[in-house]
Amino acid sequence: MTLIILLFTIGLILLAAEVLVPGGILGIAGGVALFAGCVVSFIRLGASGGLIAVVIAMLAAFVVFYIQFRVLPKTRIGKRFFLKREITATSTALQDSARDLIGKAALSATVLSPSGYVTIDGKRYEAVSQSGQIASGTELEVIDANHFQLTVRTKT
């Protein structure tokens, strides 16, 4: 009986810790521990004891998940673990017109280390430096364009 309680306790602790350490590993380990506790219950306590253990495991897991997803987000500590806003921006590939930018003058809007942002004719583009870190405000030249970013170098 002690082994069953130990497996259930470990399983529930691992399920609860999944909120703190995302990735699924702890949740899977917790589920395996609960399953092992149910198997041990069937072996040691018979079919009726095993069924009771399965029901208890399901109810306990439900309580843990309820606390994690309904109660915890409303607490001061829990508010640090859950996102409140979503990112709605999208990334789009540069059009074929990006090839027209090759050879144009650009100005680094941010530090390129080696990637950052440049402005060309008042528009902002993502760019990568061919020669390492470039300070903000440096005059550049576009030397290549791929689907998502421009390649730049310092103007010679």
Protein backbone atom coordinates (compact mmCIF):
# COMPACT_ATOMS: atom_id res chain seq x y z
CA MET A 1 0.00 0.00 0.00
CA THR A 2 2.90 2.34 0.76
CA LEU A 3 4.33 1.81 -2.74
CA ILE A 4 0.99 2.75 -4.31
CA ILE A 5 0.72 5.94 -2.26
CA LEU A 6 4.34 6.79 -3.04
CA LEU A 7 3.83 6.32 -6.79
CA PHE A 8 0.64 8.42 -6.73
CA THR A 9 2.34 11.17 -4.74
CA ILE A 10 5.35 11.26 -7.05
CA GLY A 11 3.08 11.24 -10.10
CA LEU A 12 0.97 14.13 -8.84
CA ILE A 13 4.03 16.17 -7.84
CA LEU A 14 5.53 15.66 -11.30
CA LEU A 15 2.26 16.66 -12.97
CA ALA A 16 2.13 19.80 -10.85
CA ALA A 17 5.78 20.61 -11.62
CA GLU A 18 5.01 20.51 -15.34
CA VAL A 19 3.72 24.09 -15.07
CA LEU A 20 7.09 25.28 -13.79
CA VAL A 21 9.23 23.29 -16.23
CA PRO A 22 7.43 23.06 -19.58
CA GLY A 23 8.43 20.54 -22.19
CA GLY A 24 6.36 17.51 -21.34
CA ILE A 25 9.05 15.39 -19.69
CA LEU A 26 7.79 15.86 -16.12
CA GLY A 27 4.17 15.44 -17.20
CA ILE A 28 4.95 12.18 -18.98
CA ALA A 29 6.97 10.93 -15.99
CA GLY A 30 4.07 11.86 -13.69
CA GLY A 31 1.60 10.00 -15.89
CA VAL A 32 3.86 6.95 -15.91
CA ALA A 33 4.13 7.05 -12.11
CA LEU A 34 0.33 7.25 -11.77
CA PHE A 35 -0.07 4.40 -14.25
CA ALA A 36 2.50 2.32 -12.35
CA GLY A 37 0.61 2.99 -9.12
CA CYS A 38 -2.58 1.72 -10.77
CA VAL A 39 -0.82 -1.41 -12.05
CA VAL A 40 0.60 -2.13 -8.60
CA SER A 41 -2.91 -1.63 -7.18
CA PHE A 42 -4.35 -4.21 -9.56
CA ILE A 43 -1.58 -6.68 -8.67
CA ARG A 44 -1.71 -6.25 -4.89
CA LEU A 45 -5.37 -5.34 -4.26
CA GLY A 46 -7.17 -7.18 -7.04
CA ALA A 47 -9.64 -5.87 -9.60
CA SER A 48 -11.81 -3.85 -7.22
CA GLY A 49 -8.81 -2.24 -5.51
CA GLY A 50 -7.26 -1.49 -8.90
CA LEU A 51 -10.45 0.16 -10.17
CA ILE A 52 -10.65 2.28 -7.04
CA ALA A 53 -7.02 3.30 -7.59
CA VAL A 54 -7.75 4.26 -11.21
CA VAL A 55 -10.69 6.43 -10.12
CA ILE A 56 -8.60 8.05 -7.38
CA ALA A 57 -5.74 8.70 -9.84
CA MET A 58 -8.11 10.30 -12.35
CA LEU A 59 -9.77 12.47 -9.72
CA ALA A 60 -6.44 13.53 -8.24
CA ALA A 61 -5.06 14.38 -11.68
CA PHE A 62 -8.23 16.38 -12.42
CA VAL A 63 -7.80 18.31 -9.16
CA VAL A 64 -4.14 19.04 -9.96
CA PHE A 65 -5.02 20.25 -13.47
CA TYR A 66 -7.93 22.33 -12.13
CA ILE A 67 -5.63 24.03 -9.64
CA GLN A 68 -2.96 24.57 -12.30
CA PHE A 69 -5.21 26.07 -14.95
CA ARG A 70 -8.06 27.70 -12.98
CA VAL A 71 -6.73 28.66 -9.55
CA LEU A 72 -2.99 29.23 -10.10
CA PRO A 73 -3.33 31.84 -12.91
CA LYS A 74 -5.35 34.07 -10.57
CA THR A 75 -2.72 34.13 -7.84
CA ARG A 76 0.13 36.63 -7.68
CA ILE A 77 2.77 33.95 -8.22
CA GLY A 78 0.76 32.20 -10.92
CA LYS A 79 0.42 35.37 -12.99
CA ARG A 80 4.15 35.17 -13.67
CA PHE A 81 3.83 31.74 -15.28
CA PHE A 82 0.98 32.38 -17.71
CA LEU A 83 0.95 34.64 -20.76
CA LYS A 84 -1.67 37.39 -20.88
CA ARG A 85 -1.06 38.68 -24.39
CA GLU A 86 -0.53 36.99 -27.69
CA ILE A 87 1.79 37.97 -30.49
CA THR A 88 -0.30 38.88 -33.49
CA ALA A 89 2.42 39.98 -35.89
CA THR A 90 3.31 37.91 -38.89
CA SER A 91 6.50 37.34 -40.80
CA THR A 92 6.28 37.65 -44.54
CA ALA A 93 8.85 36.96 -47.15
CA LEU A 94 10.29 39.84 -49.12
CA GLN A 95 8.68 40.07 -52.52
CA ASP A 96 10.53 39.70 -55.80
CA SER A 97 11.01 43.46 -55.66
CA ALA A 98 13.63 42.85 -52.96
CA ARG A 99 16.08 42.06 -55.76
CA ASP A 100 15.64 45.68 -56.85
CA LEU A 101 17.15 46.77 -53.52
CA ILE A 102 20.54 45.23 -54.34
CA GLY A 103 23.05 48.03 -54.73
CA LYS A 104 20.92 50.61 -52.90
CA ALA A 105 22.18 52.63 -49.95
CA ALA A 106 20.83 51.71 -46.52
CA LEU A 107 21.16 53.09 -43.02
CA SER A 108 21.39 50.76 -40.03
CA ALA A 109 18.39 51.42 -37.77
CA THR A 110 19.70 49.11 -35.05
CA VAL A 111 23.02 47.51 -34.23
CA LEU A 112 23.62 44.66 -36.67
CA SER A 113 25.23 41.92 -34.63
CA PRO A 114 25.23 40.40 -37.26
CA SER A 115 21.46 40.76 -37.83
CA GLY A 116 19.23 43.74 -37.17
CA TYR A 117 17.20 46.34 -39.04
CA VAL A 118 18.06 48.82 -41.77
CA THR A 119 16.05 51.56 -43.44
CA ILE A 120 15.96 52.04 -47.19
CA ASP A 121 13.93 54.90 -48.64
CA GLY A 122 12.05 55.24 -45.33
CA LYS A 123 11.09 51.53 -45.13
CA ARG A 124 12.43 49.20 -42.47
CA TYR A 125 13.89 45.82 -43.47
CA GLU A 126 15.52 42.97 -41.60
CA ALA A 127 19.15 42.61 -42.61
CA VAL A 128 22.25 40.64 -41.82
CA SER A 129 25.78 42.04 -41.89
CA GLN A 130 28.34 40.37 -44.09
CA SER A 131 31.19 41.59 -41.89
CA GLY A 132 30.19 41.16 -38.24
CA GLN A 133 28.84 43.84 -35.93
CA ILE A 134 27.84 47.22 -37.37
CA ALA A 135 26.84 50.20 -35.21
CA SER A 136 23.47 51.91 -35.49
CA GLY A 137 23.43 54.86 -37.90
CA THR A 138 26.12 53.44 -40.21
CA GLU A 139 25.75 53.91 -43.97
CA LEU A 140 25.48 50.53 -45.69
CA GLU A 141 25.07 48.98 -49.10
CA VAL A 142 22.70 46.10 -49.94
CA ILE A 143 24.64 43.28 -51.60
CA ASP A 144 22.09 40.43 -51.61
CA ALA A 145 18.44 39.66 -50.88
CA ASN A 146 16.89 36.31 -50.02
CA HIS A 147 13.33 35.44 -49.05
CA PHE A 148 13.32 36.98 -45.56
CA GLN A 149 16.26 39.37 -45.17
CA LEU A 150 18.78 41.55 -46.91
CA THR A 151 22.54 41.13 -46.74
CA VAL A 152 24.47 44.37 -46.24
CA ARG A 153 28.02 45.60 -45.86
CA THR A 154 29.53 48.93 -44.93
CA LYS A 155 29.55 51.40 -47.76
CA THR A 156 32.94 51.65 -49.47
